[in-house]
Amino acid sequence: MRKKMNIKLKKEDTVMVIAGKDKGKTGKILKIDHVKGRVIVQGLNMVKKAVKPKSQNDKGGIIEVEAALEASNVMILTKKGEPARIGYKIEGGKKVRIARKTGEEL
């Protein structure tokens, strides 16, 4: 059994890519793979994929889909739109995610 990686990002977070071919682009997280430490971001890291037709009247062909990015290559965006690292703070007995740069709640 493989160990889960500690990824502080969550689904629906808006992130910015900080390394790779899509550096500087932003998008929402669609899926997180905690075992492999990868995330799929909407509209980023697009790759072409050959698809077989599933039924008689369905068309196959080449489609573009999002490929997974390494979780370390993305940073969460604050409400102002600047990238920041994620930290935690206990408020009223609840664990809350905060932006390390500004201290604002995420």
PDB file of N, CA and C in Angstrom:
ATOM      1  N   MET A   1       0.837  -1.185   0.000  1.00  0.00           N
ATOM      2  CA  MET A   1       0.000   0.000   0.000  1.00  0.00           C
ATOM      3  C   MET A   1       0.884   1.251   0.000  1.00  0.00           C
ATOM      4  N   ARG A   2       0.566   2.168  -0.914  1.00  0.00           N
ATOM      5  CA  ARG A   2       1.357   3.392  -0.998  1.00  0.00           C
ATOM      6  C   ARG A   2       0.811   4.441  -0.051  1.00  0.00           C
ATOM      7  N   LYS A   3       1.722   5.263   0.458  1.00  0.00           N
ATOM      8  CA  LYS A   3       1.368   6.275   1.438  1.00  0.00           C
ATOM      9  C   LYS A   3       0.784   7.516   0.772  1.00  0.00           C
ATOM     10  N   LYS A   4      -0.226   8.119   1.402  1.00  0.00           N
ATOM     11  CA  LYS A   4      -0.820   9.354   0.899  1.00  0.00           C
ATOM     12  C   LYS A   4       0.132  10.521   1.140  1.00  0.00           C
ATOM     13  N   MET A   5       0.250  11.398   0.133  1.00  0.00           N
ATOM     14  CA  MET A   5       1.077  12.593   0.286  1.00  0.00           C
ATOM     15  C   MET A   5       0.248  13.688   0.948  1.00  0.00           C
ATOM     16  N   ASN A   6       0.900  14.533   1.715  1.00  0.00           N
ATOM     17  CA  ASN A   6       0.213  15.627   2.389  1.00  0.00           C
ATOM     18  C   ASN A   6       0.122  16.821   1.436  1.00  0.00           C
ATOM     19  N   ILE A   7      -1.032  16.939   0.763  1.00  0.00           N
ATOM     20  CA  ILE A   7      -1.268  18.050  -0.146  1.00  0.00           C
ATOM     21  C   ILE A   7      -2.257  18.985   0.529  1.00  0.00           C
ATOM     22  N   LYS A   8      -1.869  20.249   0.719  1.00  0.00           N
ATOM     23  CA  LYS A   8      -2.719  21.205   1.418  1.00  0.00           C
ATOM     24  C   LYS A   8      -3.782  21.818   0.507  1.00  0.00           C
ATOM     25  N   LEU A   9      -3.709  21.524  -0.791  1.00  0.00           N
ATOM     26  CA  LEU A   9      -4.687  22.038  -1.743  1.00  0.00           C
ATOM     27  C   LEU A   9      -5.969  21.230  -1.656  1.00  0.00           C
ATOM     28  N   LYS A  10      -7.078  21.849  -2.073  1.00  0.00           N
ATOM     29  CA  LYS A  10      -8.361  21.162  -2.099  1.00  0.00           C
ATOM     30  C   LYS A  10      -9.002  21.339  -3.463  1.00  0.00           C
ATOM     31  N   LYS A  11      -9.971  20.487  -3.761  1.00  0.00           N
ATOM     32  CA  LYS A  11     -10.739  20.585  -4.994  1.00  0.00           C
ATOM     33  C   LYS A  11     -11.437  21.942  -5.027  1.00  0.00           C
ATOM     34  N   GLU A  12     -11.547  22.544  -6.224  1.00  0.00           N
ATOM     35  CA  GLU A  12     -12.174  23.854  -6.445  1.00  0.00           C
ATOM     36  C   GLU A  12     -11.291  25.039  -6.029  1.00  0.00           C
ATOM     37  N   ASP A  13     -10.070  24.795  -5.512  1.00  0.00           N
ATOM     38  CA  ASP A  13      -9.138  25.899  -5.237  1.00  0.00           C
ATOM     39  C   ASP A  13      -8.665  26.503  -6.551  1.00  0.00           C
ATOM     40  N   THR A  14      -8.486  27.824  -6.589  1.00  0.00           N
ATOM     41  CA  THR A  14      -7.910  28.479  -7.755  1.00  0.00           C
ATOM     42  C   THR A  14      -6.404  28.530  -7.552  1.00  0.00           C
ATOM     43  N   VAL A  15      -5.672  27.991  -8.533  1.00  0.00           N
ATOM     44  CA  VAL A  15      -4.218  27.896  -8.402  1.00  0.00           C
ATOM     45  C   VAL A  15      -3.515  28.502  -9.618  1.00  0.00           C
ATOM     46  N   MET A  16      -2.229  28.813  -9.421  1.00  0.00           N
ATOM     47  CA  MET A  16      -1.378  29.307 -10.502  1.00  0.00           C
ATOM     48  C   MET A  16      -0.246  28.306 -10.702  1.00  0.00           C
ATOM     49  N   VAL A  17       0.080  28.023 -11.961  1.00  0.00           N
ATOM     50  CA  VAL A  17       1.182  27.115 -12.264  1.00  0.00           C
ATOM     51  C   VAL A  17       2.477  27.919 -12.149  1.00  0.00           C
ATOM     52  N   ILE A  18       3.451  27.405 -11.385  1.00  0.00           N
ATOM     53  CA  ILE A  18       4.701  28.136 -11.164  1.00  0.00           C
ATOM     54  C   ILE A  18       5.893  27.509 -11.893  1.00  0.00           C
ATOM     55  N   ALA A  19       5.669  26.378 -12.571  1.00  0.00           N
ATOM     56  CA  ALA A  19       6.756  25.742 -13.326  1.00  0.00           C
ATOM     57  C   ALA A  19       6.162  24.907 -14.450  1.00  0.00           C
ATOM     58  N   GLY A  20       6.895  24.804 -15.557  1.00  0.00           N
ATOM     59  CA  GLY A  20       6.444  23.980 -16.669  1.00  0.00           C
ATOM     60  C   GLY A  20       5.957  24.802 -17.838  1.00  0.00           C
ATOM     61  N   LYS A  21       5.337  24.118 -18.816  1.00  0.00           N
ATOM     62  CA  LYS A  21       4.944  24.784 -20.055  1.00  0.00           C
ATOM     63  C   LYS A  21       3.812  25.788 -19.877  1.00  0.00           C
ATOM     64  N   ASP A  22       3.007  25.635 -18.832  1.00  0.00           N
ATOM     65  CA  ASP A  22       1.885  26.541 -18.580  1.00  0.00           C
ATOM     66  C   ASP A  22       2.186  27.526 -17.446  1.00  0.00           C
ATOM     67  N   LYS A  23       3.453  27.831 -17.206  1.00  0.00           N
ATOM     68  CA  LYS A  23       3.861  28.715 -16.116  1.00  0.00           C
ATOM     69  C   LYS A  23       3.152  30.066 -16.216  1.00  0.00           C
ATOM     70  N   GLY A  24       2.577  30.508 -15.083  1.00  0.00           N
ATOM     71  CA  GLY A  24       1.896  31.791 -15.035  1.00  0.00           C
ATOM     72  C   GLY A  24       0.396  31.715 -15.275  1.00  0.00           C
ATOM     73  N   LYS A  25      -0.094  30.593 -15.792  1.00  0.00           N
ATOM     74  CA  LYS A  25      -1.528  30.446 -16.067  1.00  0.00           C
ATOM     75  C   LYS A  25      -2.256  30.006 -14.797  1.00  0.00           C
ATOM     76  N   THR A  26      -3.551  30.333 -14.738  1.00  0.00           N
ATOM     77  CA  THR A  26      -4.351  29.993 -13.562  1.00  0.00           C
ATOM     78  C   THR A  26      -5.553  29.142 -13.950  1.00  0.00           C
ATOM     79  N   GLY A  27      -6.092  28.421 -12.984  1.00  0.00           N
ATOM     80  CA  GLY A  27      -7.267  27.591 -13.206  1.00  0.00           C
ATOM     81  C   GLY A  27      -7.736  26.959 -11.911  1.00  0.00           C
ATOM     82  N   LYS A  28      -8.892  26.283 -11.966  1.00  0.00           N
ATOM     83  CA  LYS A  28      -9.465  25.616 -10.802  1.00  0.00           C
ATOM     84  C   LYS A  28      -9.053  24.154 -10.780  1.00  0.00           C
ATOM     85  N   ILE A  29      -8.832  23.623  -9.598  1.00  0.00           N
ATOM     86  CA  ILE A  29      -8.482  22.209  -9.444  1.00  0.00           C
ATOM     87  C   ILE A  29      -9.733  21.357  -9.649  1.00  0.00           C
ATOM     88  N   LEU A  30      -9.629  20.386 -10.558  1.00  0.00           N
ATOM     89  CA  LEU A  30     -10.736  19.470 -10.825  1.00  0.00           C
ATOM     90  C   LEU A  30     -10.615  18.192 -10.012  1.00  0.00           C
ATOM     91  N   LYS A  31      -9.361  17.708  -9.848  1.00  0.00           N
ATOM     92  CA  LYS A  31      -9.141  16.422  -9.193  1.00  0.00           C
ATOM     93  C   LYS A  31      -7.772  16.426  -8.530  1.00  0.00           C
ATOM     94  N   ILE A  32      -7.654  15.744  -7.398  1.00  0.00           N
ATOM     95  CA  ILE A  32      -6.379  15.615  -6.687  1.00  0.00           C
ATOM     96  C   ILE A  32      -6.098  14.134  -6.464  1.00  0.00           C
ATOM     97  N   ASP A  33      -4.872  13.703  -6.826  1.00  0.00           N
ATOM     98  CA  ASP A  33      -4.421  12.336  -6.557  1.00  0.00           C
ATOM     99  C   ASP A  33      -3.431  12.406  -5.395  1.00  0.00           C
ATOM    100  N   HIS A  34      -3.907  12.058  -4.198  1.00  0.00           N
ATOM    101  CA  HIS A  34      -3.072  12.166  -3.005  1.00  0.00           C
ATOM    102  C   HIS A  34      -1.960  11.126  -2.973  1.00  0.00           C
ATOM    103  N   VAL A  35      -2.158   9.990  -3.630  1.00  0.00           N
ATOM    104  CA  VAL A  35      -1.147   8.933  -3.616  1.00  0.00           C
ATOM    105  C   VAL A  35       0.048   9.331  -4.491  1.00  0.00           C
ATOM    106  N   LYS A  36      -0.219   9.831  -5.702  1.00  0.00           N
ATOM    107  CA  LYS A  36       0.852  10.213  -6.617  1.00  0.00           C
ATOM    108  C   LYS A  36       1.322  11.649  -6.426  1.00  0.00           C
ATOM    109  N   GLY A  37       0.571  12.447  -5.672  1.00  0.00           N
ATOM    110  CA  GLY A  37       0.945  13.840  -5.436  1.00  0.00           C
ATOM    111  C   GLY A  37       0.745  14.710  -6.663  1.00  0.00           C
ATOM    112  N   ARG A  38      -0.335  14.479  -7.394  1.00  0.00           N
ATOM    113  CA  ARG A  38      -0.597  15.224  -8.629  1.00  0.00           C
ATOM    114  C   ARG A  38      -1.989  15.848  -8.600  1.00  0.00           C
ATOM    115  N   VAL A  39      -2.161  16.944  -9.368  1.00  0.00           N
ATOM    116  CA  VAL A  39      -3.449  17.614  -9.461  1.00  0.00           C
ATOM    117  C   VAL A  39      -3.809  17.833 -10.933  1.00  0.00           C
ATOM    118  N   ILE A  40      -5.107  17.847 -11.228  1.00  0.00           N
ATOM    119  CA  ILE A  40      -5.587  18.169 -12.572  1.00  0.00           C
ATOM    120  C   ILE A  40      -6.257  19.535 -12.486  1.00  0.00           C
ATOM    121  N   VAL A  41      -5.746  20.488 -13.292  1.00  0.00           N
ATOM    122  CA  VAL A  41      -6.249  21.859 -13.277  1.00  0.00           C
ATOM    123  C   VAL A  41      -7.030  22.115 -14.561  1.00  0.00           C
ATOM    124  N   GLN A  42      -8.197  22.732 -14.419  1.00  0.00           N
ATOM    125  CA  GLN A  42      -9.104  22.981 -15.531  1.00  0.00           C
ATOM    126  C   GLN A  42      -8.448  23.859 -16.602  1.00  0.00           C
ATOM    127  N   GLY A  43      -8.390  23.323 -17.840  1.00  0.00           N
ATOM    128  CA  GLY A  43      -7.882  24.071 -18.983  1.00  0.00           C
ATOM    129  C   GLY A  43      -6.374  24.185 -19.084  1.00  0.00           C
ATOM    130  N   LEU A  44      -5.621  23.518 -18.204  1.00  0.00           N
ATOM    131  CA  LEU A  44      -4.164  23.606 -18.225  1.00  0.00           C
ATOM    132  C   LEU A  44      -3.526  22.244 -18.468  1.00  0.00           C
ATOM    133  N   ASN A  45      -2.311  22.252 -19.003  1.00  0.00           N
ATOM    134  CA  ASN A  45      -1.539  21.051 -19.319  1.00  0.00           C
ATOM    135  C   ASN A  45      -2.334  20.132 -20.246  1.00  0.00           C
ATOM    136  N   MET A  46      -2.859  20.709 -21.333  1.00  0.00           N
ATOM    137  CA  MET A  46      -3.695  19.966 -22.276  1.00  0.00           C
ATOM    138  C   MET A  46      -2.844  19.024 -23.130  1.00  0.00           C
ATOM    139  N   VAL A  47      -3.324  17.789 -23.291  1.00  0.00           N
ATOM    140  CA  VAL A  47      -2.654  16.802 -24.134  1.00  0.00           C
ATOM    141  C   VAL A  47      -3.691  16.183 -25.074  1.00  0.00           C
ATOM    142  N   LYS A  48      -3.228  15.734 -26.243  1.00  0.00           N
ATOM    143  CA  LYS A  48      -4.128  15.084 -27.196  1.00  0.00           C
ATOM    144  C   LYS A  48      -4.208  13.598 -26.857  1.00  0.00           C
ATOM    145  N   LYS A  49      -5.432  13.050 -26.923  1.00  0.00           N
ATOM    146  CA  LYS A  49      -5.644  11.658 -26.562  1.00  0.00           C
ATOM    147  C   LYS A  49      -6.552  11.013 -27.604  1.00  0.00           C
ATOM    148  N   ALA A  50      -6.177   9.836 -28.067  1.00  0.00           N
ATOM    149  CA  ALA A  50      -6.996   9.089 -29.021  1.00  0.00           C
ATOM    150  C   ALA A  50      -8.076   8.343 -28.255  1.00  0.00           C
ATOM    151  N   VAL A  51      -9.338   8.484 -28.716  1.00  0.00           N
ATOM    152  CA  VAL A  51     -10.463   7.868 -28.023  1.00  0.00           C
ATOM    153  C   VAL A  51     -11.229   6.976 -28.987  1.00  0.00           C
ATOM    154  N   LYS A  52     -11.521   5.750 -28.556  1.00  0.00           N
ATOM    155  CA  LYS A  52     -12.312   4.821 -29.365  1.00  0.00           C
ATOM    156  C   LYS A  52     -13.789   5.156 -29.205  1.00  0.00           C
ATOM    157  N   PRO A  53     -14.586   4.933 -30.254  1.00  0.00           N
ATOM    158  CA  PRO A  53     -16.026   5.136 -30.094  1.00  0.00           C
ATOM    159  C   PRO A  53     -16.612   4.108 -29.125  1.00  0.00           C
ATOM    160  N   LYS A  54     -17.414   4.564 -28.156  1.00  0.00           N
ATOM    161  CA  LYS A  54     -17.953   3.672 -27.138  1.00  0.00           C
ATOM    162  C   LYS A  54     -19.214   2.946 -27.603  1.00  0.00           C
ATOM    163  N   SER A  55     -19.996   3.589 -28.485  1.00  0.00           N
ATOM    164  CA  SER A  55     -21.218   2.948 -28.990  1.00  0.00           C
ATOM    165  C   SER A  55     -21.277   3.087 -30.509  1.00  0.00           C
ATOM    166  N   GLN A  56     -22.326   2.545 -31.104  1.00  0.00           N
ATOM    167  CA  GLN A  56     -22.462   2.532 -32.570  1.00  0.00           C
ATOM    168  C   GLN A  56     -22.516   3.943 -33.155  1.00  0.00           C
ATOM    169  N   ASN A  57     -23.289   4.832 -32.524  1.00  0.00           N
ATOM    170  CA  ASN A  57     -23.439   6.180 -33.066  1.00  0.00           C
ATOM    171  C   ASN A  57     -22.502   7.202 -32.420  1.00  0.00           C
ATOM    172  N   ASP A  58     -21.609   6.743 -31.555  1.00  0.00           N
ATOM    173  CA  ASP A  58     -20.632   7.619 -30.906  1.00  0.00           C
ATOM    174  C   ASP A  58     -19.408   7.757 -31.798  1.00  0.00           C
ATOM    175  N   LYS A  59     -18.839   8.975 -31.822  1.00  0.00           N
ATOM    176  CA  LYS A  59     -17.652   9.208 -32.639  1.00  0.00           C
ATOM    177  C   LYS A  59     -16.394   9.080 -31.798  1.00  0.00           C
ATOM    178  N   GLY A  60     -15.395   8.456 -32.363  1.00  0.00           N
ATOM    179  CA  GLY A  60     -14.088   8.404 -31.724  1.00  0.00           C
ATOM    180  C   GLY A  60     -13.256   9.547 -32.268  1.00  0.00           C
ATOM    181  N   GLY A  61     -11.948   9.451 -32.149  1.00  0.00           N
ATOM    182  CA  GLY A  61     -11.065  10.472 -32.699  1.00  0.00           C
ATOM    183  C   GLY A  61     -10.076  10.973 -31.673  1.00  0.00           C
ATOM    184  N   ILE A  62      -9.485  12.111 -31.989  1.00  0.00           N
ATOM    185  CA  ILE A  62      -8.474  12.698 -31.116  1.00  0.00           C
ATOM    186  C   ILE A  62      -9.105  13.871 -30.367  1.00  0.00           C
ATOM    187  N   ILE A  63      -9.046  13.808 -29.032  1.00  0.00           N
ATOM    188  CA  ILE A  63      -9.597  14.889 -28.214  1.00  0.00           C
ATOM    189  C   ILE A  63      -8.482  15.469 -27.345  1.00  0.00           C
ATOM    190  N   GLU A  64      -8.719  16.672 -26.818  1.00  0.00           N
ATOM    191  CA  GLU A  64      -7.769  17.288 -25.896  1.00  0.00           C
ATOM    192  C   GLU A  64      -8.311  17.184 -24.484  1.00  0.00           C
ATOM    193  N   VAL A  65      -7.487  16.665 -23.567  1.00  0.00           N
ATOM    194  CA  VAL A  65      -7.882  16.535 -22.163  1.00  0.00           C
ATOM    195  C   VAL A  65      -6.786  17.112 -21.274  1.00  0.00           C
ATOM    196  N   GLU A  66      -7.165  17.418 -20.039  1.00  0.00           N
ATOM    197  CA  GLU A  66      -6.186  17.921 -19.070  1.00  0.00           C
ATOM    198  C   GLU A  66      -5.367  16.757 -18.521  1.00  0.00           C
ATOM    199  N   ALA A  67      -4.056  16.936 -18.481  1.00  0.00           N
ATOM    200  CA  ALA A  67      -3.173  15.940 -17.872  1.00  0.00           C
ATOM    201  C   ALA A  67      -2.808  16.426 -16.468  1.00  0.00           C
ATOM    202  N   ALA A  68      -2.360  15.498 -15.629  1.00  0.00           N
ATOM    203  CA  ALA A  68      -2.032  15.831 -14.245  1.00  0.00           C
ATOM    204  C   ALA A  68      -0.724  16.611 -14.162  1.00  0.00           C
ATOM    205  N   LEU A  69      -0.676  17.536 -13.210  1.00  0.00           N
ATOM    206  CA  LEU A  69       0.523  18.306 -12.896  1.00  0.00           C
ATOM    207  C   LEU A  69       1.032  17.877 -11.528  1.00  0.00           C
ATOM    208  N   GLU A  70       2.331  18.006 -11.306  1.00  0.00           N
ATOM    209  CA  GLU A  70       2.898  17.763  -9.991  1.00  0.00           C
ATOM    210  C   GLU A  70       2.346  18.832  -9.037  1.00  0.00           C
ATOM    211  N   ALA A  71       1.893  18.426  -7.857  1.00  0.00           N
ATOM    212  CA  ALA A  71       1.280  19.357  -6.910  1.00  0.00           C
ATOM    213  C   ALA A  71       2.240  20.455  -6.472  1.00  0.00           C
ATOM    214  N   SER A  72       3.542  20.171  -6.495  1.00  0.00           N
ATOM    215  CA  SER A  72       4.526  21.182  -6.094  1.00  0.00           C
ATOM    216  C   SER A  72       4.699  22.270  -7.145  1.00  0.00           C
ATOM    217  N   ASN A  73       4.159  22.062  -8.352  1.00  0.00           N
ATOM    218  CA  ASN A  73       4.278  23.048  -9.425  1.00  0.00           C
ATOM    219  C   ASN A  73       3.103  24.016  -9.477  1.00  0.00           C
ATOM    220  N   VAL A  74       2.205  23.955  -8.502  1.00  0.00           N
ATOM    221  CA  VAL A  74       1.098  24.898  -8.441  1.00  0.00           C
ATOM    222  C   VAL A  74       1.058  25.561  -7.069  1.00  0.00           C
ATOM    223  N   MET A  75       0.600  26.828  -7.042  1.00  0.00           N
ATOM    224  CA  MET A  75       0.435  27.567  -5.787  1.00  0.00           C
ATOM    225  C   MET A  75      -0.970  28.132  -5.734  1.00  0.00           C
ATOM    226  N   ILE A  76      -1.544  28.146  -4.549  1.00  0.00           N
ATOM    227  CA  ILE A  76      -2.891  28.683  -4.375  1.00  0.00           C
ATOM    228  C   ILE A  76      -2.863  30.202  -4.552  1.00  0.00           C
ATOM    229  N   LEU A  77      -3.970  30.748  -5.061  1.00  0.00           N
ATOM    230  CA  LEU A  77      -4.090  32.192  -5.230  1.00  0.00           C
ATOM    231  C   LEU A  77      -4.939  32.769  -4.100  1.00  0.00           C
ATOM    232  N   THR A  78      -4.509  33.941  -3.594  1.00  0.00           N
ATOM    233  CA  THR A  78      -5.297  34.644  -2.584  1.00  0.00           C
ATOM    234  C   THR A  78      -6.455  35.364  -3.273  1.00  0.00           C
ATOM    235  N   LYS A  79      -7.293  36.032  -2.497  1.00  0.00           N
ATOM    236  CA  LYS A  79      -8.427  36.759  -3.071  1.00  0.00           C
ATOM    237  C   LYS A  79      -7.974  37.902  -3.970  1.00  0.00           C
ATOM    238  N   LYS A  80      -6.777  38.435  -3.723  1.00  0.00           N
ATOM    239  CA  LYS A  80      -6.217  39.503  -4.564  1.00  0.00           C
ATOM    240  C   LYS A  80      -5.595  38.959  -5.845  1.00  0.00           C
ATOM    241  N   GLY A  81      -5.431  37.632  -5.930  1.00  0.00           N
ATOM    242  CA  GLY A  81      -4.884  37.015  -7.137  1.00  0.00           C
ATOM    243  C   GLY A  81      -3.387  36.828  -7.125  1.00  0.00           C
ATOM    244  N   GLU A  82      -2.783  36.849  -5.949  1.00  0.00           N
ATOM    245  CA  GLU A  82      -1.342  36.613  -5.875  1.00  0.00           C
ATOM    246  C   GLU A  82      -1.059  35.241  -5.266  1.00  0.00           C
ATOM    247  N   PRO A  83      -0.028  34.533  -5.769  1.00  0.00           N
ATOM    248  CA  PRO A  83       0.274  33.191  -5.254  1.00  0.00           C
ATOM    249  C   PRO A  83       0.837  33.247  -3.835  1.00  0.00           C
ATOM    250  N   ALA A  84       0.500  32.237  -3.043  1.00  0.00           N
ATOM    251  CA  ALA A  84       0.983  32.176  -1.658  1.00  0.00           C
ATOM    252  C   ALA A  84       1.074  30.729  -1.208  1.00  0.00           C
ATOM    253  N   ARG A  85       1.933  30.486  -0.215  1.00  0.00           N
ATOM    254  CA  ARG A  85       2.000  29.175   0.407  1.00  0.00           C
ATOM    255  C   ARG A  85       0.854  29.059   1.413  1.00  0.00           C
ATOM    256  N   ILE A  86       0.499  27.822   1.753  1.00  0.00           N
ATOM    257  CA  ILE A  86      -0.622  27.587   2.659  1.00  0.00           C
ATOM    258  C   ILE A  86      -0.105  27.224   4.041  1.00  0.00           C
ATOM    259  N   GLY A  87      -0.691  27.844   5.053  1.00  0.00           N
ATOM    260  CA  GLY A  87      -0.388  27.511   6.437  1.00  0.00           C
ATOM    261  C   GLY A  87      -1.689  27.212   7.161  1.00  0.00           C
ATOM    262  N   TYR A  88      -1.586  26.831   8.425  1.00  0.00           N
ATOM    263  CA  TYR A  88      -2.773  26.529   9.218  1.00  0.00           C
ATOM    264  C   TYR A  88      -2.768  27.344  10.496  1.00  0.00           C
ATOM    265  N   LYS A  89      -3.960  27.675  10.981  1.00  0.00           N
ATOM    266  CA  LYS A  89      -4.125  28.397  12.232  1.00  0.00           C
ATOM    267  C   LYS A  89      -5.351  27.810  12.915  1.00  0.00           C
ATOM    268  N   ILE A  90      -5.290  27.677  14.250  1.00  0.00           N
ATOM    269  CA  ILE A  90      -6.436  27.173  14.998  1.00  0.00           C
ATOM    270  C   ILE A  90      -7.251  28.375  15.467  1.00  0.00           C
ATOM    271  N   GLU A  91      -8.511  28.429  15.033  1.00  0.00           N
ATOM    272  CA  GLU A  91      -9.410  29.519  15.437  1.00  0.00           C
ATOM    273  C   GLU A  91     -10.666  28.920  16.048  1.00  0.00           C
ATOM    274  N   GLY A  92     -10.871  29.175  17.314  1.00  0.00           N
ATOM    275  CA  GLY A  92     -12.072  28.672  17.987  1.00  0.00           C
ATOM    276  C   GLY A  92     -12.200  27.161  17.950  1.00  0.00           C
ATOM    277  N   GLY A  93     -11.089  26.457  18.057  1.00  0.00           N
ATOM    278  CA  GLY A  93     -11.089  25.000  18.040  1.00  0.00           C
ATOM    279  C   GLY A  93     -11.180  24.398  16.646  1.00  0.00           C
ATOM    280  N   LYS A  94     -11.151  25.239  15.611  1.00  0.00           N
ATOM    281  CA  LYS A  94     -11.187  24.758  14.228  1.00  0.00           C
ATOM    282  C   LYS A  94      -9.879  25.065  13.533  1.00  0.00           C
ATOM    283  N   LYS A  95      -9.436  24.132  12.692  1.00  0.00           N
ATOM    284  CA  LYS A  95      -8.212  24.306  11.913  1.00  0.00           C
ATOM    285  C   LYS A  95      -8.575  25.032  10.614  1.00  0.00           C
ATOM    286  N   VAL A  96      -7.952  26.190  10.371  1.00  0.00           N
ATOM    287  CA  VAL A  96      -8.293  27.035   9.229  1.00  0.00           C
ATOM    288  C   VAL A  96      -7.059  27.224   8.355  1.00  0.00           C
ATOM    289  N   ARG A  97      -7.246  27.124   7.022  1.00  0.00           N
ATOM    290  CA  ARG A  97      -6.143  27.373   6.095  1.00  0.00           C
ATOM    291  C   ARG A  97      -5.942  28.871   5.918  1.00  0.00           C
ATOM    292  N   ILE A  98      -4.686  29.305   5.969  1.00  0.00           N
ATOM    293  CA  ILE A  98      -4.373  30.715   5.778  1.00  0.00           C
ATOM    294  C   ILE A  98      -3.264  30.855   4.720  1.00  0.00           C
ATOM    295  N   ALA A  99      -3.197  32.034   4.094  1.00  0.00           N
ATOM    296  CA  ALA A  99      -2.105  32.342   3.173  1.00  0.00           C
ATOM    297  C   ALA A  99      -0.940  32.827   4.017  1.00  0.00           C
ATOM    298  N   ARG A 100       0.227  32.202   3.853  1.00  0.00           N
ATOM    299  CA  ARG A 100       1.394  32.559   4.655  1.00  0.00           C
ATOM    300  C   ARG A 100       1.852  33.996   4.386  1.00  0.00           C
ATOM    301  N   LYS A 101       1.703  34.448   3.139  1.00  0.00           N
ATOM    302  CA  LYS A 101       2.185  35.780   2.746  1.00  0.00           C
ATOM    303  C   LYS A 101       1.397  36.896   3.420  1.00  0.00           C
ATOM    304  N   THR A 102       0.063  36.795   3.400  1.00  0.00           N
ATOM    305  CA  THR A 102      -0.781  37.872   3.897  1.00  0.00           C
ATOM    306  C   THR A 102      -1.468  37.548   5.214  1.00  0.00           C
ATOM    307  N   GLY A 103      -1.591  36.267   5.542  1.00  0.00           N
ATOM    308  CA  GLY A 103      -2.279  35.865   6.764  1.00  0.00           C
ATOM    309  C   GLY A 103      -3.784  35.771   6.609  1.00  0.00           C
ATOM    310  N   GLU A 104      -4.293  36.055   5.397  1.00  0.00           N
ATOM    311  CA  GLU A 104      -5.747  36.000   5.180  1.00  0.00           C
ATOM    312  C   GLU A 104      -6.221  34.555   5.079  1.00  0.00           C
ATOM    313  N   GLU A 105      -7.498  34.364   5.421  1.00  0.00           N
ATOM    314  CA  GLU A 105      -8.107  33.033   5.406  1.00  0.00           C
ATOM    315  C   GLU A 105      -8.399  32.609   3.965  1.00  0.00           C
ATOM    316  N   LEU A 106      -8.192  31.315   3.698  1.00  0.00           N
ATOM    317  CA  LEU A 106      -8.448  30.793   2.347  1.00  0.00           C
ATOM    318  C   LEU A 106      -9.744  30.008   2.301  1.00  0.00           C
TER     319      LEU A 106
END
